[in-house]
């Protein structure tokens, strides 16, 4: 549907480059999230439900939240076993300690400073003691980030508003919010080129890129423990 952000979002992930990128990002998020069947999970800023569907698929009791009803409509179709609600990650409508795991992927990059601080506190608040919060964000020092900045300068409202992060910034954010322990991982060294010769070697790019740390990484995942 023309002008439908949910359709455009899913169309990107249906491309070879989008699919390979998601596979790499998911592997990083999964490593840090370590989901266990039967746990209660929150997918905050769930978008079209990609991560909610993954969590439900590995046996978790999933709640998804987003402030865009069009995204939520798509998410309900993608993850019919999950529960969804409209709301804001900076003011979560849930009780203290309600979840074992809270997830937020590419959410903080679109929040202002005060909202980021509030969202970090809220995600920790709704996570039980001993539980974990995992976020995935856009890395600052990559070709992907440079391309997105150029799109913002050329008029893209989405990328003009985006904020790219380092692991250190995100770790400090969650320490200020009261996390007991914070760890991080960099990834997505795959160049943003949708060509079979490039995408077909996605795993090889990751192996080569690991030695570079933040340099060239388009994605950073952070785990904050309550």
N, C-alpha and C. Protein backbone atom coordinates (compact mmCIF):
# COMPACT_ATOMS: atom_id res chain seq x y z
N UNK A 1 0.85 -1.19 0.00
CA UNK A 1 0.00 0.00 0.00
C UNK A 1 0.89 1.24 0.00
N UNK A 2 0.62 2.16 -0.94
CA UNK A 2 1.43 3.36 -1.05
C UNK A 2 1.31 4.20 0.21
N UNK A 3 2.44 4.67 0.69
CA UNK A 3 2.45 5.52 1.86
C UNK A 3 2.29 4.79 3.17
N UNK A 4 2.28 3.48 3.15
CA UNK A 4 2.12 2.68 4.36
C UNK A 4 3.50 2.38 4.94
N UNK A 5 3.85 2.94 6.11
CA UNK A 5 5.20 2.72 6.66
C UNK A 5 5.44 1.27 7.03
N UNK A 6 4.39 0.56 7.45
CA UNK A 6 4.56 -0.85 7.80
C UNK A 6 4.93 -1.68 6.58
N UNK A 7 4.26 -1.40 5.46
CA UNK A 7 4.56 -2.13 4.23
C UNK A 7 5.97 -1.81 3.74
N UNK A 8 6.36 -0.54 3.82
CA UNK A 8 7.70 -0.15 3.38
C UNK A 8 8.77 -0.79 4.25
N UNK A 9 8.52 -0.86 5.55
CA UNK A 9 9.46 -1.48 6.50
C UNK A 9 9.66 -2.95 6.15
N UNK A 10 8.56 -3.66 5.97
CA UNK A 10 8.66 -5.09 5.66
C UNK A 10 9.24 -5.34 4.27
N UNK A 11 8.98 -4.42 3.33
CA UNK A 11 9.52 -4.58 1.98
C UNK A 11 11.05 -4.51 2.00
N UNK A 12 11.62 -3.66 2.85
CA UNK A 12 13.08 -3.58 2.96
C UNK A 12 13.64 -4.91 3.45
N UNK A 13 13.03 -5.49 4.47
CA UNK A 13 13.54 -6.75 5.02
C UNK A 13 13.30 -7.94 4.10
N UNK A 14 12.48 -7.76 3.08
CA UNK A 14 12.26 -8.82 2.09
C UNK A 14 13.34 -8.81 1.00
N UNK A 15 14.14 -7.75 0.91
CA UNK A 15 15.23 -7.71 -0.07
C UNK A 15 16.37 -8.60 0.39
N UNK A 16 17.24 -9.05 -0.52
CA UNK A 16 18.39 -9.86 -0.08
C UNK A 16 19.26 -9.16 0.95
N UNK A 17 19.53 -7.86 0.75
CA UNK A 17 20.35 -7.13 1.71
C UNK A 17 19.64 -6.98 3.05
N UNK A 18 18.35 -6.65 3.01
CA UNK A 18 17.59 -6.51 4.24
C UNK A 18 17.49 -7.82 5.01
N UNK A 19 17.30 -8.91 4.29
CA UNK A 19 17.21 -10.22 4.92
C UNK A 19 18.53 -10.62 5.58
N UNK A 20 19.64 -10.40 4.87
CA UNK A 20 20.95 -10.73 5.42
C UNK A 20 21.26 -9.84 6.63
N UNK A 21 20.91 -8.58 6.55
CA UNK A 21 21.15 -7.65 7.67
C UNK A 21 20.36 -8.09 8.89
N UNK A 22 19.11 -8.45 8.68
CA UNK A 22 18.28 -8.88 9.81
C UNK A 22 18.84 -10.16 10.44
N UNK A 23 19.31 -11.06 9.63
CA UNK A 23 19.87 -12.32 10.16
C UNK A 23 21.06 -12.04 11.07
N UNK A 24 21.90 -11.09 10.67
CA UNK A 24 23.07 -10.74 11.48
C UNK A 24 22.64 -10.02 12.76
N UNK A 25 21.72 -9.07 12.63
CA UNK A 25 21.25 -8.33 13.80
C UNK A 25 20.56 -9.26 14.80
N UNK A 26 19.73 -10.15 14.29
CA UNK A 26 19.02 -11.09 15.16
C UNK A 26 20.00 -11.99 15.92
N UNK A 27 21.07 -12.41 15.26
CA UNK A 27 22.04 -13.28 15.94
C UNK A 27 22.68 -12.55 17.13
N UNK A 28 22.95 -11.25 16.98
CA UNK A 28 23.53 -10.47 18.08
C UNK A 28 22.52 -10.28 19.21
N UNK A 29 21.29 -9.94 18.84
CA UNK A 29 20.25 -9.75 19.84
C UNK A 29 19.97 -11.05 20.58
N UNK A 30 19.90 -12.15 19.84
CA UNK A 30 19.61 -13.44 20.46
C UNK A 30 20.71 -13.86 21.42
N UNK A 31 21.96 -13.60 21.05
CA UNK A 31 23.09 -13.95 21.92
C UNK A 31 22.98 -13.26 23.27
N UNK A 32 22.62 -11.98 23.26
CA UNK A 32 22.53 -11.23 24.50
C UNK A 32 21.22 -11.47 25.24
N UNK A 33 20.14 -11.67 24.50
CA UNK A 33 18.83 -11.85 25.13
C UNK A 33 18.70 -13.23 25.78
N UNK A 34 19.28 -14.25 25.16
CA UNK A 34 19.23 -15.63 25.68
C UNK A 34 17.81 -15.99 26.12
N UNK A 35 16.82 -15.89 25.22
CA UNK A 35 15.42 -16.15 25.63
C UNK A 35 15.19 -17.60 26.01
N UNK A 36 14.33 -17.80 27.01
CA UNK A 36 14.00 -19.15 27.46
C UNK A 36 12.49 -19.35 27.41
N UNK A 37 12.07 -20.48 26.90
CA UNK A 37 10.65 -20.79 26.77
C UNK A 37 9.93 -20.58 28.09
N UNK A 38 8.75 -19.97 28.02
CA UNK A 38 7.96 -19.72 29.21
C UNK A 38 8.18 -18.37 29.84
N UNK A 39 9.23 -17.66 29.44
CA UNK A 39 9.49 -16.34 30.00
C UNK A 39 8.48 -15.32 29.47
N UNK A 40 8.31 -14.25 30.23
CA UNK A 40 7.49 -13.12 29.80
C UNK A 40 8.40 -12.09 29.14
N UNK A 41 8.07 -11.69 27.92
CA UNK A 41 8.93 -10.76 27.17
C UNK A 41 8.14 -9.57 26.67
N UNK A 42 8.77 -8.41 26.73
CA UNK A 42 8.22 -7.18 26.16
C UNK A 42 9.06 -6.79 24.96
N UNK A 43 8.39 -6.56 23.83
CA UNK A 43 9.05 -6.00 22.65
C UNK A 43 8.57 -4.56 22.53
N UNK A 44 9.37 -3.64 23.05
CA UNK A 44 9.00 -2.23 23.10
C UNK A 44 9.40 -1.54 21.80
N UNK A 45 8.48 -0.82 21.18
CA UNK A 45 8.73 -0.27 19.86
C UNK A 45 8.77 -1.40 18.85
N UNK A 46 7.78 -2.26 18.89
CA UNK A 46 7.82 -3.54 18.17
C UNK A 46 7.71 -3.41 16.67
N UNK A 47 7.31 -2.24 16.16
CA UNK A 47 7.18 -2.10 14.71
C UNK A 47 6.19 -3.10 14.14
N UNK A 48 6.58 -3.78 13.07
CA UNK A 48 5.67 -4.72 12.42
C UNK A 48 5.71 -6.12 13.03
N UNK A 49 6.38 -6.26 14.17
CA UNK A 49 6.31 -7.52 14.91
C UNK A 49 7.35 -8.56 14.58
N UNK A 50 8.42 -8.18 13.90
CA UNK A 50 9.44 -9.16 13.52
C UNK A 50 10.06 -9.83 14.74
N UNK A 51 10.45 -9.03 15.73
CA UNK A 51 11.07 -9.61 16.92
C UNK A 51 10.03 -10.25 17.84
N UNK A 52 8.83 -9.70 17.88
CA UNK A 52 7.77 -10.32 18.66
C UNK A 52 7.47 -11.72 18.13
N UNK A 53 7.44 -11.86 16.81
CA UNK A 53 7.19 -13.17 16.21
C UNK A 53 8.32 -14.14 16.54
N UNK A 54 9.56 -13.66 16.51
CA UNK A 54 10.70 -14.51 16.86
C UNK A 54 10.60 -14.98 18.31
N UNK A 55 10.31 -14.06 19.22
CA UNK A 55 10.21 -14.43 20.63
C UNK A 55 9.08 -15.43 20.86
N UNK A 56 7.93 -15.18 20.24
CA UNK A 56 6.82 -16.12 20.38
C UNK A 56 7.18 -17.48 19.80
N UNK A 57 7.95 -17.47 18.71
CA UNK A 57 8.34 -18.71 18.05
C UNK A 57 9.26 -19.58 18.87
N UNK A 58 10.00 -18.97 19.81
CA UNK A 58 10.88 -19.76 20.68
C UNK A 58 10.25 -19.99 22.05
N UNK A 59 8.93 -19.74 22.13
CA UNK A 59 8.18 -20.17 23.30
C UNK A 59 7.96 -19.17 24.40
N UNK A 60 8.18 -17.87 24.15
CA UNK A 60 7.97 -16.88 25.20
C UNK A 60 6.55 -16.33 25.14
N UNK A 61 6.09 -15.81 26.28
CA UNK A 61 4.81 -15.12 26.39
C UNK A 61 5.09 -13.65 26.07
N UNK A 62 4.66 -13.19 24.89
CA UNK A 62 5.14 -11.92 24.33
C UNK A 62 4.08 -10.83 24.37
N UNK A 63 4.52 -9.65 24.79
CA UNK A 63 3.73 -8.43 24.69
C UNK A 63 4.50 -7.45 23.80
N UNK A 64 3.83 -6.93 22.79
CA UNK A 64 4.44 -5.93 21.92
C UNK A 64 3.79 -4.57 22.12
N UNK A 65 4.59 -3.53 22.05
CA UNK A 65 4.08 -2.17 22.23
C UNK A 65 4.67 -1.26 21.17
N UNK A 66 3.83 -0.42 20.59
CA UNK A 66 4.29 0.57 19.61
C UNK A 66 3.33 1.75 19.64
N UNK A 67 3.82 2.92 19.25
CA UNK A 67 2.93 4.08 19.26
C UNK A 67 2.24 4.31 17.92
N UNK A 68 2.57 3.50 16.90
CA UNK A 68 1.96 3.65 15.59
C UNK A 68 0.96 2.53 15.35
N UNK A 69 -0.34 2.84 15.28
CA UNK A 69 -1.34 1.78 15.10
C UNK A 69 -1.19 1.01 13.79
N UNK A 70 -0.60 1.64 12.78
CA UNK A 70 -0.39 0.92 11.51
C UNK A 70 0.66 -0.17 11.68
N UNK A 71 1.69 0.11 12.44
CA UNK A 71 2.69 -0.92 12.74
C UNK A 71 2.06 -2.05 13.56
N UNK A 72 1.23 -1.69 14.53
CA UNK A 72 0.60 -2.69 15.38
C UNK A 72 -0.34 -3.60 14.57
N UNK A 73 -1.03 -3.04 13.60
CA UNK A 73 -1.91 -3.87 12.76
C UNK A 73 -1.11 -4.93 12.02
N UNK A 74 0.07 -4.54 11.50
CA UNK A 74 0.93 -5.51 10.82
C UNK A 74 1.50 -6.52 11.80
N UNK A 75 1.86 -6.06 13.00
CA UNK A 75 2.43 -6.95 14.02
C UNK A 75 1.43 -8.01 14.45
N UNK A 76 0.18 -7.64 14.58
CA UNK A 76 -0.84 -8.62 15.00
C UNK A 76 -0.98 -9.74 13.97
N UNK A 77 -0.79 -9.44 12.71
CA UNK A 77 -0.85 -10.46 11.68
C UNK A 77 0.39 -11.35 11.70
N UNK A 78 1.53 -10.75 11.99
CA UNK A 78 2.80 -11.48 11.95
C UNK A 78 2.99 -12.36 13.18
N UNK A 79 2.48 -11.90 14.32
CA UNK A 79 2.65 -12.64 15.59
C UNK A 79 1.30 -12.77 16.26
N UNK A 80 0.41 -13.61 15.72
CA UNK A 80 -0.96 -13.68 16.26
C UNK A 80 -1.03 -14.21 17.70
N UNK A 81 0.00 -14.89 18.16
CA UNK A 81 -0.03 -15.40 19.53
C UNK A 81 0.40 -14.40 20.57
N UNK A 82 0.89 -13.24 20.15
CA UNK A 82 1.35 -12.21 21.09
C UNK A 82 0.22 -11.25 21.43
N UNK A 83 0.42 -10.49 22.49
CA UNK A 83 -0.51 -9.43 22.88
C UNK A 83 0.11 -8.09 22.51
N UNK A 84 -0.68 -7.20 21.93
CA UNK A 84 -0.14 -5.91 21.48
C UNK A 84 -0.93 -4.75 22.06
N UNK A 85 -0.24 -3.64 22.28
CA UNK A 85 -0.87 -2.44 22.82
C UNK A 85 -0.18 -1.21 22.25
N UNK A 86 -0.94 -0.13 22.16
CA UNK A 86 -0.39 1.15 21.73
C UNK A 86 0.18 1.88 22.94
N UNK A 87 1.40 2.40 22.82
CA UNK A 87 2.00 3.09 23.94
C UNK A 87 3.39 3.59 23.62
N UNK A 88 4.02 4.20 24.62
CA UNK A 88 5.30 4.89 24.45
C UNK A 88 6.35 4.23 25.32
N UNK A 89 7.51 3.94 24.74
CA UNK A 89 8.59 3.28 25.49
C UNK A 89 9.11 4.14 26.63
N UNK A 90 8.92 5.44 26.56
CA UNK A 90 9.38 6.32 27.63
C UNK A 90 8.39 6.42 28.79
N UNK A 91 7.24 5.78 28.65
CA UNK A 91 6.22 5.77 29.71
C UNK A 91 5.42 4.48 29.58
N UNK A 92 6.00 3.38 30.01
CA UNK A 92 5.43 2.06 29.77
C UNK A 92 4.23 1.79 30.69
N UNK A 93 3.14 1.26 30.14
CA UNK A 93 1.93 1.02 30.94
C UNK A 93 1.93 -0.36 31.62
N UNK A 94 3.07 -0.70 32.25
CA UNK A 94 3.20 -2.02 32.87
C UNK A 94 3.74 -1.88 34.28
N UNK A 95 3.49 -2.92 35.07
CA UNK A 95 3.90 -2.91 36.47
C UNK A 95 5.39 -3.15 36.60
N UNK A 96 5.93 -2.76 37.73
CA UNK A 96 7.34 -3.03 38.04
C UNK A 96 7.59 -4.54 37.99
N UNK A 97 8.68 -4.93 37.34
CA UNK A 97 9.09 -6.33 37.32
C UNK A 97 8.16 -7.27 36.59
N UNK A 98 7.37 -6.76 35.66
CA UNK A 98 6.37 -7.60 34.99
C UNK A 98 6.99 -8.58 33.99
N UNK A 99 8.20 -8.27 33.49
CA UNK A 99 8.79 -9.09 32.42
C UNK A 99 10.15 -9.67 32.83
N UNK A 100 10.46 -10.81 32.25
CA UNK A 100 11.78 -11.41 32.42
C UNK A 100 12.79 -10.78 31.46
N UNK A 101 12.29 -10.39 30.29
CA UNK A 101 13.13 -9.85 29.22
C UNK A 101 12.41 -8.69 28.56
N UNK A 102 13.10 -7.58 28.37
CA UNK A 102 12.56 -6.45 27.62
C UNK A 102 13.48 -6.16 26.44
N UNK A 103 12.90 -6.03 25.28
CA UNK A 103 13.65 -5.85 24.03
C UNK A 103 13.23 -4.54 23.38
N UNK A 104 14.19 -3.83 22.81
CA UNK A 104 13.88 -2.62 22.04
C UNK A 104 14.92 -2.50 20.94
N UNK A 105 14.51 -2.73 19.71
CA UNK A 105 15.44 -2.74 18.57
C UNK A 105 15.15 -1.56 17.66
N UNK A 106 16.19 -0.78 17.38
CA UNK A 106 16.12 0.46 16.59
C UNK A 106 14.97 1.35 17.06
N UNK A 107 14.97 1.61 18.35
CA UNK A 107 14.00 2.49 18.99
C UNK A 107 14.70 3.73 19.53
N UNK A 108 15.79 3.55 20.26
CA UNK A 108 16.49 4.67 20.90
C UNK A 108 17.06 5.66 19.88
N UNK A 109 17.34 5.19 18.68
CA UNK A 109 17.90 6.08 17.65
C UNK A 109 16.92 7.17 17.23
N UNK A 110 15.63 7.00 17.56
CA UNK A 110 14.64 8.00 17.19
C UNK A 110 14.07 8.74 18.41
N UNK A 111 14.79 8.64 19.54
CA UNK A 111 14.37 9.34 20.75
C UNK A 111 15.29 10.51 21.05
N UNK A 112 14.72 11.58 21.60
CA UNK A 112 15.53 12.70 22.08
C UNK A 112 16.21 12.31 23.39
N UNK A 113 17.17 13.13 23.84
CA UNK A 113 17.96 12.79 25.02
C UNK A 113 17.11 12.44 26.24
N UNK A 114 16.15 13.31 26.56
CA UNK A 114 15.32 13.07 27.75
C UNK A 114 14.50 11.80 27.58
N UNK A 115 14.03 11.54 26.38
CA UNK A 115 13.26 10.32 26.12
C UNK A 115 14.13 9.07 26.25
N UNK A 116 15.37 9.16 25.81
CA UNK A 116 16.29 8.02 25.93
C UNK A 116 16.53 7.68 27.40
N UNK A 117 16.76 8.70 28.21
CA UNK A 117 16.97 8.49 29.64
C UNK A 117 15.73 7.85 30.27
N UNK A 118 14.56 8.38 29.92
CA UNK A 118 13.32 7.85 30.48
C UNK A 118 13.06 6.43 30.01
N UNK A 119 13.32 6.15 28.73
CA UNK A 119 13.09 4.82 28.19
C UNK A 119 14.00 3.78 28.85
N UNK A 120 15.25 4.13 29.08
CA UNK A 120 16.17 3.21 29.74
C UNK A 120 15.68 2.89 31.15
N UNK A 121 15.23 3.91 31.87
CA UNK A 121 14.70 3.67 33.23
C UNK A 121 13.45 2.81 33.19
N UNK A 122 12.56 3.10 32.24
CA UNK A 122 11.31 2.36 32.14
C UNK A 122 11.52 0.89 31.78
N UNK A 123 12.41 0.63 30.85
CA UNK A 123 12.68 -0.76 30.47
C UNK A 123 13.25 -1.55 31.65
N UNK A 124 14.12 -0.93 32.42
CA UNK A 124 14.64 -1.60 33.60
C UNK A 124 13.56 -1.76 34.67
N UNK A 125 12.71 -0.77 34.80
CA UNK A 125 11.66 -0.83 35.82
C UNK A 125 10.72 -2.01 35.60
N UNK A 126 10.32 -2.24 34.36
CA UNK A 126 9.33 -3.30 34.09
C UNK A 126 9.97 -4.68 33.99
N UNK A 127 11.30 -4.74 34.12
CA UNK A 127 12.01 -6.01 34.10
C UNK A 127 12.25 -6.47 35.54
N UNK A 128 12.02 -7.74 35.79
CA UNK A 128 12.16 -8.27 37.16
C UNK A 128 13.63 -8.21 37.61
N UNK A 129 13.89 -8.18 38.90
CA UNK A 129 15.26 -8.30 39.40
C UNK A 129 15.90 -9.58 38.87
N UNK A 130 17.08 -9.47 38.32
CA UNK A 130 17.74 -10.60 37.69
C UNK A 130 17.40 -10.78 36.23
N UNK A 131 16.42 -10.00 35.74
CA UNK A 131 16.05 -10.05 34.33
C UNK A 131 16.98 -9.19 33.49
N UNK A 132 16.69 -9.08 32.20
CA UNK A 132 17.59 -8.34 31.34
C UNK A 132 16.82 -7.53 30.29
N UNK A 133 17.43 -6.41 29.95
CA UNK A 133 16.98 -5.54 28.87
C UNK A 133 18.00 -5.64 27.75
N UNK A 134 17.53 -5.84 26.52
CA UNK A 134 18.44 -5.89 25.37
C UNK A 134 17.95 -4.90 24.32
N UNK A 135 18.85 -4.04 23.89
CA UNK A 135 18.50 -3.10 22.83
C UNK A 135 19.47 -3.29 21.66
N UNK A 136 18.98 -3.01 20.47
CA UNK A 136 19.81 -3.02 19.27
C UNK A 136 19.70 -1.66 18.62
N UNK A 137 20.86 -1.07 18.29
CA UNK A 137 20.85 0.29 17.76
C UNK A 137 21.78 0.45 16.56
N UNK A 138 21.68 1.59 15.90
CA UNK A 138 22.45 1.89 14.71
C UNK A 138 23.84 2.38 15.10
N UNK A 139 24.87 1.66 14.66
CA UNK A 139 26.24 2.04 14.96
C UNK A 139 26.65 3.33 14.27
N UNK A 140 27.53 4.08 14.91
CA UNK A 140 27.88 5.41 14.42
C UNK A 140 28.94 5.39 13.32
N UNK A 141 29.92 4.48 13.41
CA UNK A 141 31.10 4.57 12.54
C UNK A 141 31.04 3.55 11.41
N UNK A 142 30.06 3.72 10.53
CA UNK A 142 29.88 2.76 9.44
C UNK A 142 29.46 3.46 8.15
N UNK A 143 29.62 2.76 7.05
CA UNK A 143 29.16 3.28 5.76
C UNK A 143 27.64 3.42 5.78
N UNK A 144 26.95 2.49 6.44
CA UNK A 144 25.49 2.59 6.57
C UNK A 144 25.10 3.92 7.21
N UNK A 145 25.78 4.28 8.30
CA UNK A 145 25.46 5.53 8.99
C UNK A 145 25.72 6.73 8.08
N UNK A 146 26.81 6.69 7.34
CA UNK A 146 27.12 7.79 6.42
C UNK A 146 26.04 7.94 5.36
N UNK A 147 25.60 6.82 4.79
CA UNK A 147 24.54 6.87 3.79
C UNK A 147 23.25 7.45 4.36
N UNK A 148 22.93 7.03 5.57
CA UNK A 148 21.70 7.51 6.20
C UNK A 148 21.77 8.99 6.53
N UNK A 149 22.95 9.46 6.95
CA UNK A 149 23.11 10.89 7.20
C UNK A 149 22.90 11.69 5.91
N UNK A 150 23.44 11.19 4.82
CA UNK A 150 23.27 11.87 3.53
C UNK A 150 21.79 11.92 3.15
N UNK A 151 21.07 10.83 3.38
CA UNK A 151 19.63 10.83 3.10
C UNK A 151 18.92 11.88 3.94
N UNK A 152 19.35 12.03 5.19
CA UNK A 152 18.77 13.05 6.06
C UNK A 152 19.04 14.45 5.54
N UNK A 153 20.27 14.69 5.11
CA UNK A 153 20.62 16.00 4.55
C UNK A 153 19.82 16.29 3.28
N UNK A 154 19.46 15.22 2.57
CA UNK A 154 18.71 15.39 1.31
C UNK A 154 17.21 15.47 1.52
N UNK A 155 16.78 15.42 2.77
CA UNK A 155 15.36 15.64 3.04
C UNK A 155 14.59 14.51 3.68
N UNK A 156 15.20 13.34 3.90
CA UNK A 156 14.49 12.25 4.55
C UNK A 156 14.21 12.61 6.00
N UNK A 157 12.92 12.71 6.35
CA UNK A 157 12.56 13.05 7.72
C UNK A 157 13.00 11.95 8.69
N UNK A 158 12.92 10.70 8.25
CA UNK A 158 13.32 9.57 9.11
C UNK A 158 14.78 9.67 9.49
N UNK A 159 15.65 9.83 8.49
CA UNK A 159 17.09 9.81 8.77
C UNK A 159 17.61 11.15 9.27
N UNK A 160 16.88 12.22 9.02
CA UNK A 160 17.28 13.51 9.60
C UNK A 160 17.11 13.46 11.12
N UNK A 161 16.13 12.69 11.59
CA UNK A 161 15.86 12.61 13.03
C UNK A 161 16.68 11.53 13.73
N UNK A 162 17.32 10.66 12.96
CA UNK A 162 18.00 9.51 13.57
C UNK A 162 19.28 9.92 14.29
N UNK A 163 19.60 9.17 15.33
CA UNK A 163 20.81 9.39 16.12
C UNK A 163 21.59 8.08 16.17
N UNK A 164 22.84 8.12 15.79
CA UNK A 164 23.68 6.93 15.75
C UNK A 164 24.52 6.87 17.02
N UNK A 165 24.76 5.65 17.52
CA UNK A 165 25.35 5.50 18.85
C UNK A 165 26.58 4.61 18.84
N UNK A 166 27.36 4.75 19.89
CA UNK A 166 28.44 3.81 20.18
C UNK A 166 28.00 2.94 21.35
N UNK A 167 28.67 1.80 21.51
CA UNK A 167 28.36 0.93 22.64
C UNK A 167 28.60 1.66 23.96
N UNK A 168 29.67 2.46 24.03
CA UNK A 168 29.98 3.17 25.26
C UNK A 168 28.87 4.11 25.68
N UNK A 169 28.30 4.84 24.72
CA UNK A 169 27.20 5.76 25.04
C UNK A 169 26.00 5.01 25.60
N UNK A 170 25.66 3.89 24.97
CA UNK A 170 24.49 3.12 25.40
C UNK A 170 24.75 2.43 26.75
N UNK A 171 25.97 1.96 26.95
CA UNK A 171 26.30 1.36 28.24
C UNK A 171 26.16 2.39 29.36
N UNK A 172 26.69 3.60 29.13
CA UNK A 172 26.59 4.65 30.16
C UNK A 172 25.13 5.03 30.42
N UNK A 173 24.32 5.05 29.36
CA UNK A 173 22.90 5.37 29.51
C UNK A 173 22.22 4.40 30.48
N UNK A 174 22.50 3.12 30.34
CA UNK A 174 21.84 2.14 31.19
C UNK A 174 22.46 2.07 32.58
N UNK A 175 23.73 2.39 32.69
CA UNK A 175 24.31 2.47 34.04
C UNK A 175 23.68 3.62 34.82
N UNK A 176 23.48 4.76 34.16
CA UNK A 176 22.82 5.89 34.82
C UNK A 176 21.39 5.52 35.23
N UNK A 177 20.76 4.64 34.44
CA UNK A 177 19.38 4.23 34.73
C UNK A 177 19.30 3.22 35.86
N UNK A 178 20.47 2.70 36.29
CA UNK A 178 20.49 1.80 37.43
C UNK A 178 20.76 0.34 37.12
N UNK A 179 21.22 0.03 35.92
CA UNK A 179 21.52 -1.37 35.59
C UNK A 179 22.65 -1.89 36.46
N UNK A 180 22.52 -3.15 36.86
CA UNK A 180 23.55 -3.77 37.70
C UNK A 180 24.77 -4.16 36.88
N UNK A 181 24.57 -4.55 35.63
CA UNK A 181 25.66 -4.99 34.77
C UNK A 181 25.27 -4.73 33.33
N UNK A 182 26.23 -4.23 32.53
CA UNK A 182 25.95 -3.90 31.14
C UNK A 182 27.04 -4.47 30.25
N UNK A 183 26.65 -5.15 29.17
CA UNK A 183 27.58 -5.69 28.19
C UNK A 183 27.10 -5.32 26.79
N UNK A 184 28.00 -5.38 25.80
CA UNK A 184 27.63 -4.97 24.45
C UNK A 184 28.38 -5.79 23.40
N UNK A 185 27.83 -5.75 22.17
CA UNK A 185 28.43 -6.41 21.03
C UNK A 185 28.25 -5.53 19.79
N UNK A 186 29.25 -5.49 18.93
CA UNK A 186 29.15 -4.82 17.64
C UNK A 186 28.95 -5.86 16.54
N UNK A 187 28.30 -5.44 15.45
CA UNK A 187 28.13 -6.33 14.30
C UNK A 187 27.59 -5.60 13.09
N UNK A 188 27.24 -6.33 12.07
CA UNK A 188 26.79 -5.86 10.77
C UNK A 188 27.89 -5.06 10.05
N UNK A 189 28.93 -5.78 9.68
CA UNK A 189 30.02 -5.21 8.88
C UNK A 189 29.76 -5.36 7.39
N UNK A 190 28.67 -6.00 7.06
CA UNK A 190 28.27 -6.17 5.67
C UNK A 190 28.09 -4.81 4.99
N UNK A 191 28.73 -4.56 3.85
CA UNK A 191 28.52 -3.27 3.16
C UNK A 191 27.07 -3.15 2.70
N UNK A 192 26.54 -1.94 2.65
CA UNK A 192 25.15 -1.72 2.25
C UNK A 192 24.98 -1.76 0.73
N UNK A 193 25.30 -2.89 0.14
CA UNK A 193 25.25 -3.08 -1.31
C UNK A 193 24.37 -4.29 -1.60
N UNK A 194 23.25 -4.08 -2.23
CA UNK A 194 22.31 -5.18 -2.48
C UNK A 194 22.68 -5.88 -3.79
N UNK A 195 23.79 -6.63 -3.71
CA UNK A 195 24.28 -7.37 -4.88
C UNK A 195 24.64 -8.78 -4.42
N UNK A 196 24.29 -9.81 -5.18
CA UNK A 196 24.55 -11.19 -4.74
C UNK A 196 25.99 -11.46 -4.36
N UNK A 197 26.95 -10.84 -5.05
CA UNK A 197 28.36 -11.08 -4.74
C UNK A 197 28.74 -10.55 -3.37
N UNK A 198 28.03 -9.53 -2.90
CA UNK A 198 28.29 -8.96 -1.58
C UNK A 198 27.45 -9.65 -0.51
N UNK A 199 26.15 -9.71 -0.74
CA UNK A 199 25.23 -10.30 0.24
C UNK A 199 25.54 -11.77 0.48
N UNK A 200 25.96 -12.46 -0.58
CA UNK A 200 26.25 -13.88 -0.46
C UNK A 200 27.44 -14.19 0.43
N UNK A 201 28.23 -13.18 0.75
CA UNK A 201 29.40 -13.35 1.63
C UNK A 201 29.20 -12.64 2.97
N UNK A 202 27.93 -12.52 3.39
CA UNK A 202 27.62 -11.77 4.61
C UNK A 202 28.36 -12.31 5.83
N UNK A 203 28.39 -13.63 5.99
CA UNK A 203 29.05 -14.22 7.15
C UNK A 203 30.56 -13.99 7.10
N UNK A 204 31.13 -14.01 5.90
CA UNK A 204 32.56 -13.74 5.76
C UNK A 204 32.88 -12.30 6.15
N UNK A 205 32.02 -11.36 5.76
CA UNK A 205 32.21 -9.96 6.17
C UNK A 205 32.19 -9.85 7.70
N UNK A 206 31.29 -10.59 8.34
CA UNK A 206 31.21 -10.54 9.80
C UNK A 206 32.49 -11.06 10.45
N UNK A 207 33.01 -12.17 9.94
CA UNK A 207 34.24 -12.72 10.51
C UNK A 207 35.40 -11.74 10.36
N UNK A 208 35.49 -11.10 9.21
CA UNK A 208 36.55 -10.12 8.99
C UNK A 208 36.38 -8.88 9.86
N UNK A 209 35.14 -8.47 10.06
CA UNK A 209 34.87 -7.23 10.77
C UNK A 209 35.04 -7.29 12.27
N UNK A 210 34.96 -8.48 12.85
CA UNK A 210 34.99 -8.57 14.32
C UNK A 210 36.24 -7.95 14.93
N UNK A 211 37.34 -7.99 14.22
CA UNK A 211 38.59 -7.42 14.74
C UNK A 211 38.55 -5.89 14.76
N UNK A 212 37.59 -5.30 14.06
CA UNK A 212 37.54 -3.85 13.95
C UNK A 212 36.73 -3.19 15.06
N UNK A 213 35.96 -3.98 15.81
CA UNK A 213 35.14 -3.39 16.87
C UNK A 213 34.14 -2.41 16.31
N UNK A 214 34.11 -1.17 16.82
CA UNK A 214 33.11 -0.21 16.37
C UNK A 214 33.31 0.28 14.95
N UNK A 215 34.54 0.22 14.44
CA UNK A 215 34.83 0.76 13.12
C UNK A 215 34.19 -0.10 12.03
N UNK A 216 33.22 0.46 11.34
CA UNK A 216 32.55 -0.26 10.26
C UNK A 216 31.32 -1.03 10.69
N UNK A 217 31.04 -1.11 11.99
CA UNK A 217 29.88 -1.85 12.48
C UNK A 217 28.62 -0.99 12.37
N UNK A 218 27.62 -1.49 11.67
CA UNK A 218 26.38 -0.73 11.49
C UNK A 218 25.36 -0.99 12.59
N UNK A 219 25.67 -1.94 13.49
CA UNK A 219 24.70 -2.33 14.52
C UNK A 219 25.44 -2.56 15.83
N UNK A 220 24.82 -2.13 16.91
CA UNK A 220 25.38 -2.38 18.24
C UNK A 220 24.25 -2.89 19.13
N UNK A 221 24.51 -3.98 19.84
CA UNK A 221 23.52 -4.56 20.75
C UNK A 221 24.05 -4.46 22.17
N UNK A 222 23.17 -4.11 23.10
CA UNK A 222 23.55 -3.89 24.50
C UNK A 222 22.60 -4.68 25.39
N UNK A 223 23.16 -5.34 26.39
CA UNK A 223 22.38 -6.04 27.42
C UNK A 223 22.59 -5.37 28.76
N UNK A 224 21.49 -4.96 29.38
CA UNK A 224 21.54 -4.36 30.71
C UNK A 224 20.77 -5.27 31.66
N UNK A 225 21.44 -5.67 32.74
CA UNK A 225 20.81 -6.57 33.71
C UNK A 225 20.28 -5.78 34.89
N UNK A 226 19.10 -6.13 35.31
CA UNK A 226 18.43 -5.45 36.42
C UNK A 226 19.06 -5.84 37.75
